[in-house]
Amino acid sequence: MTPEELADLAHLRRARDLIDREYAQPLDVPTMARHALMSPAHFSRRFRAAYGETPYGYLMTRRIERAMALLRGGMSVTDACMAVGCTSLGSFSSRFTELAGETPSAYRARDHDAVVAMPACLAKVRTRPLRDVSSRIREARPDAAA
């Protein structure tokens, strides 16, 4: 890896850290790119290459991850939506359902005693929202194996 590539990774990490810290604030790609000292287009390409998802996708995943923790604690769906920086309840619910596999209301109503009993480091990994790519493959190709 060249020194320039290492420097790019350090700048990308700075932007990712900004997303992790300021997820509840209004963030857009130009703002994130400024923290990475890159143009928005270059930043988006490099971020996706380094982390496997777009900067906005990463931001929304972090927001949904935090919202899941708030919902497990009993917060209302609307309050959790606003607390993590989402301004549209409909968009929040759609993205939450896409990543978590169930609606925010259903997630909130479900029993979370097992998560409470886990060490925090394990709970964070086990509850991290992931896109269900396999369901999209089955939708596109019904003959695809499950």
C-alpha atoms as a PDB file:
ATOM      1  CA  MET A   1       0.000   0.000   0.000  1.00  0.00           C
ATOM      2  CA  THR A   2       1.377   3.389  -0.993  1.00  0.00           C
ATOM      3  CA  PRO A   3       1.747   6.309   1.415  1.00  0.00           C
ATOM      4  CA  GLU A   4      -1.033   8.135  -0.489  1.00  0.00           C
ATOM      5  CA  GLU A   5      -3.413   5.188  -0.015  1.00  0.00           C
ATOM      6  CA  LEU A   6      -2.596   5.067   3.701  1.00  0.00           C
ATOM      7  CA  ALA A   7      -3.255   8.802   3.961  1.00  0.00           C
ATOM      8  CA  ASP A   8      -6.595   8.343   2.168  1.00  0.00           C
ATOM      9  CA  LEU A   9      -7.573   5.608   4.627  1.00  0.00           C
ATOM     10  CA  ALA A  10      -6.708   7.858   7.561  1.00  0.00           C
ATOM     11  CA  HIS A  11      -8.887  10.618   6.077  1.00  0.00           C
ATOM     12  CA  LEU A  12     -11.727   8.157   5.462  1.00  0.00           C
ATOM     13  CA  ARG A  13     -11.449   6.942   9.051  1.00  0.00           C
ATOM     14  CA  ARG A  14     -11.735  10.556  10.206  1.00  0.00           C
ATOM     15  CA  ALA A  15     -14.994  10.928   8.266  1.00  0.00           C
ATOM     16  CA  ARG A  16     -16.297   7.574   9.560  1.00  0.00           C
ATOM     17  CA  ASP A  17     -15.495   8.677  13.120  1.00  0.00           C
ATOM     18  CA  LEU A  18     -17.434  11.895  12.455  1.00  0.00           C
ATOM     19  CA  ILE A  19     -20.448   9.805  11.388  1.00  0.00           C
ATOM     20  CA  ASP A  20     -20.141   7.610  14.486  1.00  0.00           C
ATOM     21  CA  ARG A  21     -19.958  10.651  16.794  1.00  0.00           C
ATOM     22  CA  GLU A  22     -22.401  13.026  15.092  1.00  0.00           C
ATOM     23  CA  TYR A  23     -24.961  10.552  13.684  1.00  0.00           C
ATOM     24  CA  ALA A  24     -27.854  12.517  15.233  1.00  0.00           C
ATOM     25  CA  GLN A  25     -26.793  15.753  13.540  1.00  0.00           C
ATOM     26  CA  PRO A  26     -27.707  16.717   9.968  1.00  0.00           C
ATOM     27  CA  LEU A  27     -24.868  15.207   7.928  1.00  0.00           C
ATOM     28  CA  ASP A  28     -24.535  15.189   4.169  1.00  0.00           C
ATOM     29  CA  VAL A  29     -21.878  13.810   1.851  1.00  0.00           C
ATOM     30  CA  PRO A  30     -20.213  17.210   1.199  1.00  0.00           C
ATOM     31  CA  THR A  31     -19.778  17.728   4.967  1.00  0.00           C
ATOM     32  CA  MET A  32     -18.335  14.233   5.408  1.00  0.00           C
ATOM     33  CA  ALA A  33     -16.076  14.752   2.381  1.00  0.00           C
ATOM     34  CA  ARG A  34     -14.710  17.992   3.866  1.00  0.00           C
ATOM     35  CA  HIS A  35     -13.661  16.068   6.981  1.00  0.00           C
ATOM     36  CA  ALA A  36     -11.903  13.543   4.746  1.00  0.00           C
ATOM     37  CA  LEU A  37     -10.247  16.358   2.759  1.00  0.00           C
ATOM     38  CA  MET A  38     -11.723  15.009  -0.493  1.00  0.00           C
ATOM     39  CA  SER A  39     -14.234  16.065  -3.111  1.00  0.00           C
ATOM     40  CA  PRO A  40     -17.715  14.602  -2.507  1.00  0.00           C
ATOM     41  CA  ALA A  41     -17.563  12.290  -5.551  1.00  0.00           C
ATOM     42  CA  HIS A  42     -14.060  11.016  -4.768  1.00  0.00           C
ATOM     43  CA  PHE A  43     -14.979  10.597  -1.108  1.00  0.00           C
ATOM     44  CA  SER A  44     -18.088   8.558  -1.959  1.00  0.00           C
ATOM     45  CA  ARG A  45     -16.117   6.237  -4.254  1.00  0.00           C
ATOM     46  CA  ARG A  46     -13.254   5.757  -1.799  1.00  0.00           C
ATOM     47  CA  PHE A  47     -15.578   5.290   1.197  1.00  0.00           C
ATOM     48  CA  ARG A  48     -17.558   2.598  -0.606  1.00  0.00           C
ATOM     49  CA  ALA A  49     -14.368   0.849  -1.695  1.00  0.00           C
ATOM     50  CA  ALA A  50     -12.964   0.921   1.839  1.00  0.00           C
ATOM     51  CA  TYR A  51     -16.098   0.113   3.879  1.00  0.00           C
ATOM     52  CA  GLY A  52     -18.400  -1.704   1.456  1.00  0.00           C
ATOM     53  CA  GLU A  53     -21.272   0.789   1.600  1.00  0.00           C
ATOM     54  CA  THR A  54     -21.943   4.394   0.708  1.00  0.00           C
ATOM     55  CA  PRO A  55     -21.354   7.132   3.292  1.00  0.00           C
ATOM     56  CA  TYR A  56     -25.110   7.769   3.538  1.00  0.00           C
ATOM     57  CA  GLY A  57     -25.777   4.038   3.887  1.00  0.00           C
ATOM     58  CA  TYR A  58     -23.228   3.853   6.713  1.00  0.00           C
ATOM     59  CA  LEU A  59     -24.826   6.872   8.415  1.00  0.00           C
ATOM     60  CA  MET A  60     -28.292   5.341   8.226  1.00  0.00           C
ATOM     61  CA  THR A  61     -27.016   1.994   9.515  1.00  0.00           C
ATOM     62  CA  ARG A  62     -25.496   3.760  12.536  1.00  0.00           C
ATOM     63  CA  ARG A  63     -28.746   5.686  13.100  1.00  0.00           C
ATOM     64  CA  ILE A  64     -30.832   2.517  12.965  1.00  0.00           C
ATOM     65  CA  GLU A  65     -28.367   0.746  15.271  1.00  0.00           C
ATOM     66  CA  ARG A  66     -28.758   3.524  17.847  1.00  0.00           C
ATOM     67  CA  ALA A  67     -32.538   3.581  17.372  1.00  0.00           C
ATOM     68  CA  MET A  68     -32.674  -0.160  18.070  1.00  0.00           C
ATOM     69  CA  ALA A  69     -30.979   0.427  21.423  1.00  0.00           C
ATOM     70  CA  LEU A  70     -33.428   3.223  22.263  1.00  0.00           C
ATOM     71  CA  LEU A  71     -36.409   1.064  21.282  1.00  0.00           C
ATOM     72  CA  ARG A  72     -35.123  -1.801  23.445  1.00  0.00           C
ATOM     73  CA  GLY A  73     -35.101   0.687  26.313  1.00  0.00           C
ATOM     74  CA  GLY A  74     -38.784   1.457  25.771  1.00  0.00           C
ATOM     75  CA  MET A  75     -38.600   4.769  23.880  1.00  0.00           C
ATOM     76  CA  SER A  76     -41.445   5.441  21.458  1.00  0.00           C
ATOM     77  CA  VAL A  77     -40.794   4.988  17.740  1.00  0.00           C
ATOM     78  CA  THR A  78     -41.316   8.686  16.995  1.00  0.00           C
ATOM     79  CA  ASP A  79     -38.984   9.786  19.797  1.00  0.00           C
ATOM     80  CA  ALA A  80     -36.308   7.279  18.717  1.00  0.00           C
ATOM     81  CA  CYS A  81     -36.617   8.493  15.127  1.00  0.00           C
ATOM     82  CA  MET A  82     -36.042  12.106  16.135  1.00  0.00           C
ATOM     83  CA  ALA A  83     -33.324  11.251  18.684  1.00  0.00           C
ATOM     84  CA  VAL A  84     -31.126   9.624  16.045  1.00  0.00           C
ATOM     85  CA  GLY A  85     -31.424  12.519  13.607  1.00  0.00           C
ATOM     86  CA  CYS A  86     -34.084  11.277  11.201  1.00  0.00           C
ATOM     87  CA  THR A  87     -36.676  13.870  10.234  1.00  0.00           C
ATOM     88  CA  SER A  88     -39.149  11.640   8.386  1.00  0.00           C
ATOM     89  CA  LEU A  89     -40.889   8.892  10.329  1.00  0.00           C
ATOM     90  CA  GLY A  90     -41.853   7.157   7.090  1.00  0.00           C
ATOM     91  CA  SER A  91     -38.281   7.056   5.743  1.00  0.00           C
ATOM     92  CA  PHE A  92     -37.005   5.971   9.145  1.00  0.00           C
ATOM     93  CA  SER A  93     -39.538   3.136   9.354  1.00  0.00           C
ATOM     94  CA  SER A  94     -38.755   1.983   5.815  1.00  0.00           C
ATOM     95  CA  ARG A  95     -34.993   1.938   6.418  1.00  0.00           C
ATOM     96  CA  PHE A  96     -35.451   0.316   9.840  1.00  0.00           C
ATOM     97  CA  THR A  97     -37.574  -2.457   8.307  1.00  0.00           C
ATOM     98  CA  GLU A  98     -35.027  -2.944   5.512  1.00  0.00           C
ATOM     99  CA  LEU A  99     -32.124  -3.307   7.941  1.00  0.00           C
ATOM    100  CA  ALA A 100     -33.754  -4.987  10.943  1.00  0.00           C
ATOM    101  CA  GLY A 101     -36.220  -7.198   9.095  1.00  0.00           C
ATOM    102  CA  GLU A 102     -39.216  -5.952  11.103  1.00  0.00           C
ATOM    103  CA  THR A 103     -40.991  -2.682  11.743  1.00  0.00           C
ATOM    104  CA  PRO A 104     -39.788  -0.422  14.561  1.00  0.00           C
ATOM    105  CA  SER A 105     -43.042  -1.027  16.455  1.00  0.00           C
ATOM    106  CA  ALA A 106     -42.674  -4.800  16.203  1.00  0.00           C
ATOM    107  CA  TYR A 107     -39.030  -4.554  17.278  1.00  0.00           C
ATOM    108  CA  ARG A 108     -39.955  -2.396  20.270  1.00  0.00           C
ATOM    109  CA  ALA A 109     -42.736  -4.785  21.329  1.00  0.00           C
ATOM    110  CA  ARG A 110     -40.516  -7.872  21.133  1.00  0.00           C
ATOM    111  CA  ASP A 111     -38.842  -9.318  24.249  1.00  0.00           C
ATOM    112  CA  HIS A 112     -35.200  -8.192  24.567  1.00  0.00           C
ATOM    113  CA  ASP A 113     -34.232  -9.945  27.813  1.00  0.00           C
ATOM    114  CA  ALA A 114     -31.509 -11.991  26.067  1.00  0.00           C
ATOM    115  CA  VAL A 115     -29.761  -8.815  24.902  1.00  0.00           C
ATOM    116  CA  VAL A 116     -29.861  -7.341  28.410  1.00  0.00           C
ATOM    117  CA  ALA A 117     -28.145 -10.471  29.766  1.00  0.00           C
ATOM    118  CA  MET A 118     -25.283 -10.272  27.225  1.00  0.00           C
ATOM    119  CA  PRO A 119     -22.053  -8.371  27.782  1.00  0.00           C
ATOM    120  CA  ALA A 120     -22.282  -5.005  26.016  1.00  0.00           C
ATOM    121  CA  CYS A 121     -19.578  -5.855  23.478  1.00  0.00           C
ATOM    122  CA  LEU A 122     -21.425  -9.003  22.408  1.00  0.00           C
ATOM    123  CA  ALA A 123     -24.824  -7.310  22.397  1.00  0.00           C
ATOM    124  CA  LYS A 124     -23.484  -4.622  20.068  1.00  0.00           C
ATOM    125  CA  VAL A 125     -22.338  -7.233  17.553  1.00  0.00           C
ATOM    126  CA  ARG A 126     -25.468  -9.411  17.817  1.00  0.00           C
ATOM    127  CA  THR A 127     -27.907  -6.511  17.428  1.00  0.00           C
ATOM    128  CA  ARG A 128     -26.102  -4.696  14.613  1.00  0.00           C
ATOM    129  CA  PRO A 129     -28.523  -4.191  11.723  1.00  0.00           C
ATOM    130  CA  LEU A 130     -27.525  -5.807   8.447  1.00  0.00           C
ATOM    131  CA  ARG A 131     -29.160  -5.601   5.075  1.00  0.00           C
ATOM    132  CA  ASP A 132     -30.886  -8.842   4.165  1.00  0.00           C
ATOM    133  CA  VAL A 133     -29.306  -9.332   0.744  1.00  0.00           C
ATOM    134  CA  SER A 134     -30.564 -12.917   0.431  1.00  0.00           C
ATOM    135  CA  SER A 135     -34.214 -11.801   0.400  1.00  0.00           C
ATOM    136  CA  ARG A 136     -33.508  -9.385  -2.440  1.00  0.00           C
ATOM    137  CA  ILE A 137     -31.817 -12.173  -4.382  1.00  0.00           C
ATOM    138  CA  ARG A 138     -34.859 -14.412  -3.880  1.00  0.00           C
ATOM    139  CA  GLU A 139     -37.174 -11.583  -4.973  1.00  0.00           C
ATOM    140  CA  ALA A 140     -35.146 -11.019  -8.125  1.00  0.00           C
ATOM    141  CA  ARG A 141     -34.706 -14.729  -8.822  1.00  0.00           C
ATOM    142  CA  PRO A 142     -37.390 -16.866  -7.178  1.00  0.00           C
ATOM    143  CA  ASP A 143     -35.491 -20.010  -8.183  1.00  0.00           C
ATOM    144  CA  ALA A 144     -32.402 -18.941  -6.136  1.00  0.00           C
ATOM    145  CA  ALA A 145     -31.548 -21.134  -3.163  1.00  0.00           C
ATOM    146  CA  ALA A 146     -32.483 -19.828   0.264  1.00  0.00           C
END
